[in-house]
């Protein structure tokens, strides 16, 4: 299960995303672990896919919020599909 370390700004975005519905808040709240000034999300691939679906349904208030959600989406996508290591064998 992938772990995603997030900072305060990303944590605020996380809270907004999971607040999309009572069910999502109830389910995803248990997936967060506090570690000092940061938090770690313990998400399965299915969890990440569900969060991406929620993100696609969310409306934004302004360009700043839209950019924040896009960056969080990128973080989720990167976790779901990490770059492959290139083999540089000679």
N, C-alpha and C. Protein backbone atom coordinates (compact mmCIF):
# COMPACT_ATOMS: atom_id res chain seq x y z
N UNK A 1 0.85 -1.17 0.00
CA UNK A 1 0.00 0.00 0.00
C UNK A 1 0.90 1.24 0.00
N UNK A 2 0.74 2.11 -0.98
CA UNK A 2 1.58 3.30 -1.05
C UNK A 2 1.34 4.24 0.13
N UNK A 3 2.43 4.87 0.58
CA UNK A 3 2.34 5.92 1.58
C UNK A 3 2.65 7.24 0.89
N UNK A 4 1.84 8.24 1.17
CA UNK A 4 2.06 9.56 0.59
C UNK A 4 2.27 10.53 1.73
N UNK A 5 3.46 11.14 1.80
CA UNK A 5 3.73 12.13 2.83
C UNK A 5 3.26 13.49 2.32
N UNK A 6 2.46 14.17 3.14
CA UNK A 6 1.94 15.47 2.72
C UNK A 6 2.25 16.53 3.78
N UNK A 7 2.37 17.77 3.32
CA UNK A 7 2.63 18.88 4.23
C UNK A 7 1.31 19.56 4.61
N UNK A 8 1.39 20.67 5.34
CA UNK A 8 0.18 21.34 5.82
C UNK A 8 -0.74 21.80 4.69
N UNK A 9 -0.15 22.34 3.64
CA UNK A 9 -0.95 22.82 2.50
C UNK A 9 -1.68 21.65 1.84
N UNK A 10 -0.96 20.57 1.60
CA UNK A 10 -1.57 19.39 0.98
C UNK A 10 -2.60 18.76 1.92
N UNK A 11 -2.35 18.85 3.23
CA UNK A 11 -3.30 18.32 4.21
C UNK A 11 -4.62 19.08 4.14
N UNK A 12 -4.52 20.40 3.97
CA UNK A 12 -5.73 21.23 3.83
C UNK A 12 -6.50 20.82 2.57
N UNK A 13 -5.81 20.57 1.48
CA UNK A 13 -6.46 20.13 0.25
C UNK A 13 -7.10 18.76 0.47
N UNK A 14 -6.37 17.85 1.12
CA UNK A 14 -6.89 16.51 1.44
C UNK A 14 -8.21 16.63 2.20
N UNK A 15 -8.23 17.49 3.23
CA UNK A 15 -9.44 17.67 4.03
C UNK A 15 -10.60 18.16 3.18
N UNK A 16 -10.33 19.08 2.26
CA UNK A 16 -11.39 19.58 1.37
C UNK A 16 -11.90 18.49 0.43
N UNK A 17 -11.00 17.68 -0.07
CA UNK A 17 -11.39 16.62 -1.01
C UNK A 17 -12.24 15.57 -0.31
N UNK A 18 -11.80 15.12 0.86
CA UNK A 18 -12.57 14.06 1.52
C UNK A 18 -13.88 14.57 2.11
N UNK A 19 -14.01 15.90 2.23
CA UNK A 19 -15.26 16.48 2.72
C UNK A 19 -16.34 16.49 1.64
N UNK A 20 -16.02 15.95 0.48
CA UNK A 20 -16.96 15.93 -0.65
C UNK A 20 -18.29 15.29 -0.25
N UNK A 21 -18.22 14.24 0.56
CA UNK A 21 -19.44 13.60 1.05
C UNK A 21 -19.19 13.02 2.43
N UNK A 22 -20.26 12.74 3.14
CA UNK A 22 -20.14 12.14 4.47
C UNK A 22 -19.45 10.79 4.38
N UNK A 23 -19.78 10.02 3.35
CA UNK A 23 -19.18 8.70 3.17
C UNK A 23 -17.68 8.79 2.91
N UNK A 24 -17.28 9.73 2.06
CA UNK A 24 -15.85 9.85 1.76
C UNK A 24 -15.09 10.32 2.99
N UNK A 25 -15.65 11.25 3.75
CA UNK A 25 -14.98 11.71 4.97
C UNK A 25 -14.82 10.56 5.96
N UNK A 26 -15.88 9.80 6.14
CA UNK A 26 -15.84 8.68 7.08
C UNK A 26 -14.80 7.64 6.67
N UNK A 27 -14.77 7.32 5.39
CA UNK A 27 -13.85 6.29 4.90
C UNK A 27 -12.39 6.78 4.91
N UNK A 28 -12.14 7.96 4.34
CA UNK A 28 -10.77 8.41 4.14
C UNK A 28 -10.12 8.99 5.39
N UNK A 29 -10.89 9.42 6.37
CA UNK A 29 -10.30 9.97 7.60
C UNK A 29 -9.39 8.97 8.27
N UNK A 30 -9.72 7.71 8.18
CA UNK A 30 -8.93 6.65 8.81
C UNK A 30 -7.62 6.37 8.07
N UNK A 31 -7.47 6.94 6.89
CA UNK A 31 -6.30 6.67 6.04
C UNK A 31 -5.15 7.63 6.32
N UNK A 32 -5.35 8.59 7.23
CA UNK A 32 -4.34 9.61 7.52
C UNK A 32 -3.69 9.34 8.86
N UNK A 33 -2.36 9.46 8.89
CA UNK A 33 -1.59 9.31 10.12
C UNK A 33 -0.77 10.58 10.33
N UNK A 34 -0.91 11.22 11.48
CA UNK A 34 -0.13 12.42 11.80
C UNK A 34 1.29 12.02 12.16
N UNK A 35 2.26 12.75 11.62
CA UNK A 35 3.68 12.55 11.95
C UNK A 35 4.33 13.92 12.09
N UNK A 36 4.27 14.45 13.28
CA UNK A 36 4.84 15.78 13.52
C UNK A 36 4.09 16.84 12.74
N UNK A 37 4.84 17.62 11.95
CA UNK A 37 4.23 18.69 11.17
C UNK A 37 3.69 18.20 9.83
N UNK A 38 3.87 16.94 9.57
CA UNK A 38 3.40 16.35 8.31
C UNK A 38 2.39 15.26 8.60
N UNK A 39 1.82 14.76 7.56
CA UNK A 39 0.89 13.63 7.68
C UNK A 39 1.25 12.62 6.60
N UNK A 40 0.88 11.39 6.85
CA UNK A 40 1.10 10.32 5.87
C UNK A 40 -0.25 9.70 5.54
N UNK A 41 -0.50 9.57 4.26
CA UNK A 41 -1.73 8.92 3.79
C UNK A 41 -1.40 7.49 3.41
N UNK A 42 -2.18 6.57 3.92
CA UNK A 42 -2.02 5.14 3.60
C UNK A 42 -3.16 4.78 2.65
N UNK A 43 -2.86 4.78 1.36
CA UNK A 43 -3.90 4.61 0.34
C UNK A 43 -3.61 3.42 -0.57
N UNK A 44 -4.63 2.67 -0.86
CA UNK A 44 -4.51 1.60 -1.85
C UNK A 44 -4.69 2.21 -3.24
N UNK A 45 -4.41 1.43 -4.26
CA UNK A 45 -4.64 1.91 -5.64
C UNK A 45 -6.10 2.30 -5.83
N UNK A 46 -7.01 1.50 -5.29
CA UNK A 46 -8.44 1.79 -5.42
C UNK A 46 -8.79 3.10 -4.70
N UNK A 47 -8.16 3.35 -3.55
CA UNK A 47 -8.39 4.61 -2.83
C UNK A 47 -7.97 5.80 -3.68
N UNK A 48 -6.79 5.68 -4.29
CA UNK A 48 -6.28 6.77 -5.13
C UNK A 48 -7.21 6.99 -6.31
N UNK A 49 -7.66 5.93 -6.93
CA UNK A 49 -8.59 6.07 -8.06
C UNK A 49 -9.89 6.73 -7.61
N UNK A 50 -10.38 6.38 -6.42
CA UNK A 50 -11.59 7.02 -5.89
C UNK A 50 -11.36 8.51 -5.64
N UNK A 51 -10.20 8.86 -5.09
CA UNK A 51 -9.89 10.27 -4.85
C UNK A 51 -9.79 11.04 -6.16
N UNK A 52 -9.20 10.43 -7.17
CA UNK A 52 -9.12 11.08 -8.48
C UNK A 52 -10.52 11.32 -9.05
N UNK A 53 -11.42 10.37 -8.84
CA UNK A 53 -12.81 10.54 -9.30
C UNK A 53 -13.48 11.69 -8.56
N UNK A 54 -13.25 11.79 -7.26
CA UNK A 54 -13.81 12.90 -6.48
C UNK A 54 -13.25 14.22 -6.98
N UNK A 55 -11.94 14.27 -7.20
CA UNK A 55 -11.32 15.50 -7.70
C UNK A 55 -11.94 15.95 -9.01
N UNK A 56 -12.28 15.02 -9.86
CA UNK A 56 -12.86 15.38 -11.17
C UNK A 56 -14.25 15.98 -11.02
N UNK A 57 -14.91 15.73 -9.90
CA UNK A 57 -16.26 16.25 -9.67
C UNK A 57 -16.28 17.58 -8.92
N UNK A 58 -15.15 17.94 -8.34
CA UNK A 58 -15.11 19.13 -7.50
C UNK A 58 -15.08 20.40 -8.33
N UNK A 59 -15.82 21.39 -7.84
CA UNK A 59 -15.81 22.71 -8.46
C UNK A 59 -14.83 23.59 -7.70
N UNK A 60 -14.17 24.47 -8.41
CA UNK A 60 -13.20 25.36 -7.77
C UNK A 60 -13.74 26.78 -7.73
N UNK A 61 -13.29 27.52 -6.70
CA UNK A 61 -13.73 28.91 -6.51
C UNK A 61 -12.94 29.88 -7.38
N UNK A 62 -11.65 29.58 -7.55
CA UNK A 62 -10.79 30.49 -8.29
C UNK A 62 -9.60 29.71 -8.88
N UNK A 63 -8.75 30.45 -9.57
CA UNK A 63 -7.60 29.81 -10.23
C UNK A 63 -6.62 29.21 -9.24
N UNK A 64 -6.44 29.87 -8.09
CA UNK A 64 -5.51 29.35 -7.08
C UNK A 64 -5.98 27.99 -6.57
N UNK A 65 -7.26 27.88 -6.27
CA UNK A 65 -7.79 26.61 -5.79
C UNK A 65 -7.71 25.54 -6.88
N UNK A 66 -7.96 25.95 -8.11
CA UNK A 66 -7.86 25.01 -9.23
C UNK A 66 -6.43 24.48 -9.37
N UNK A 67 -5.46 25.37 -9.20
CA UNK A 67 -4.06 24.96 -9.29
C UNK A 67 -3.68 24.03 -8.13
N UNK A 68 -4.15 24.33 -6.92
CA UNK A 68 -3.87 23.47 -5.76
C UNK A 68 -4.43 22.07 -5.98
N UNK A 69 -5.66 21.99 -6.47
CA UNK A 69 -6.27 20.69 -6.72
C UNK A 69 -5.52 19.94 -7.82
N UNK A 70 -5.07 20.67 -8.83
CA UNK A 70 -4.31 20.04 -9.92
C UNK A 70 -2.98 19.48 -9.40
N UNK A 71 -2.32 20.20 -8.51
CA UNK A 71 -1.07 19.71 -7.93
C UNK A 71 -1.31 18.47 -7.07
N UNK A 72 -2.40 18.47 -6.32
CA UNK A 72 -2.74 17.30 -5.50
C UNK A 72 -3.07 16.12 -6.40
N UNK A 73 -3.77 16.39 -7.49
CA UNK A 73 -4.08 15.34 -8.46
C UNK A 73 -2.78 14.76 -9.05
N UNK A 74 -1.83 15.64 -9.37
CA UNK A 74 -0.54 15.18 -9.88
C UNK A 74 0.18 14.29 -8.88
N UNK A 75 0.11 14.66 -7.60
CA UNK A 75 0.72 13.85 -6.54
C UNK A 75 0.10 12.46 -6.51
N UNK A 76 -1.22 12.39 -6.61
CA UNK A 76 -1.90 11.10 -6.61
C UNK A 76 -1.54 10.28 -7.85
N UNK A 77 -1.53 10.93 -9.00
CA UNK A 77 -1.18 10.23 -10.24
C UNK A 77 0.26 9.72 -10.21
N UNK A 78 1.16 10.53 -9.67
CA UNK A 78 2.56 10.12 -9.56
C UNK A 78 2.69 8.90 -8.65
N UNK A 79 1.91 8.88 -7.58
CA UNK A 79 1.94 7.75 -6.65
C UNK A 79 1.36 6.50 -7.32
N UNK A 80 0.32 6.70 -8.10
CA UNK A 80 -0.34 5.59 -8.78
C UNK A 80 0.55 5.02 -9.89
N UNK A 81 1.24 5.90 -10.60
CA UNK A 81 2.08 5.50 -11.73
C UNK A 81 3.47 6.12 -11.61
N UNK A 82 4.31 5.62 -10.70
CA UNK A 82 5.64 6.21 -10.55
C UNK A 82 6.46 6.03 -11.82
N UNK A 83 7.40 6.95 -12.06
CA UNK A 83 8.23 6.81 -13.26
C UNK A 83 9.06 5.53 -13.17
N UNK A 84 9.25 4.93 -14.30
CA UNK A 84 10.02 3.69 -14.34
C UNK A 84 11.51 4.04 -14.36
N UNK A 85 12.27 3.24 -13.64
CA UNK A 85 13.72 3.41 -13.64
C UNK A 85 14.25 2.96 -15.00
N UNK A 86 15.11 3.78 -15.57
CA UNK A 86 15.72 3.40 -16.84
C UNK A 86 16.95 2.55 -16.57
N UNK A 87 17.12 1.55 -17.39
CA UNK A 87 18.28 0.67 -17.25
C UNK A 87 19.41 1.24 -18.09
N UNK A 88 20.47 1.66 -17.40
CA UNK A 88 21.61 2.24 -18.10
C UNK A 88 22.79 1.27 -18.12
N UNK A 89 22.51 0.00 -18.25
CA UNK A 89 23.59 -1.00 -18.28
C UNK A 89 24.38 -0.84 -19.57
N UNK A 90 25.67 -0.97 -19.43
CA UNK A 90 26.54 -0.84 -20.61
C UNK A 90 27.04 -2.18 -21.04
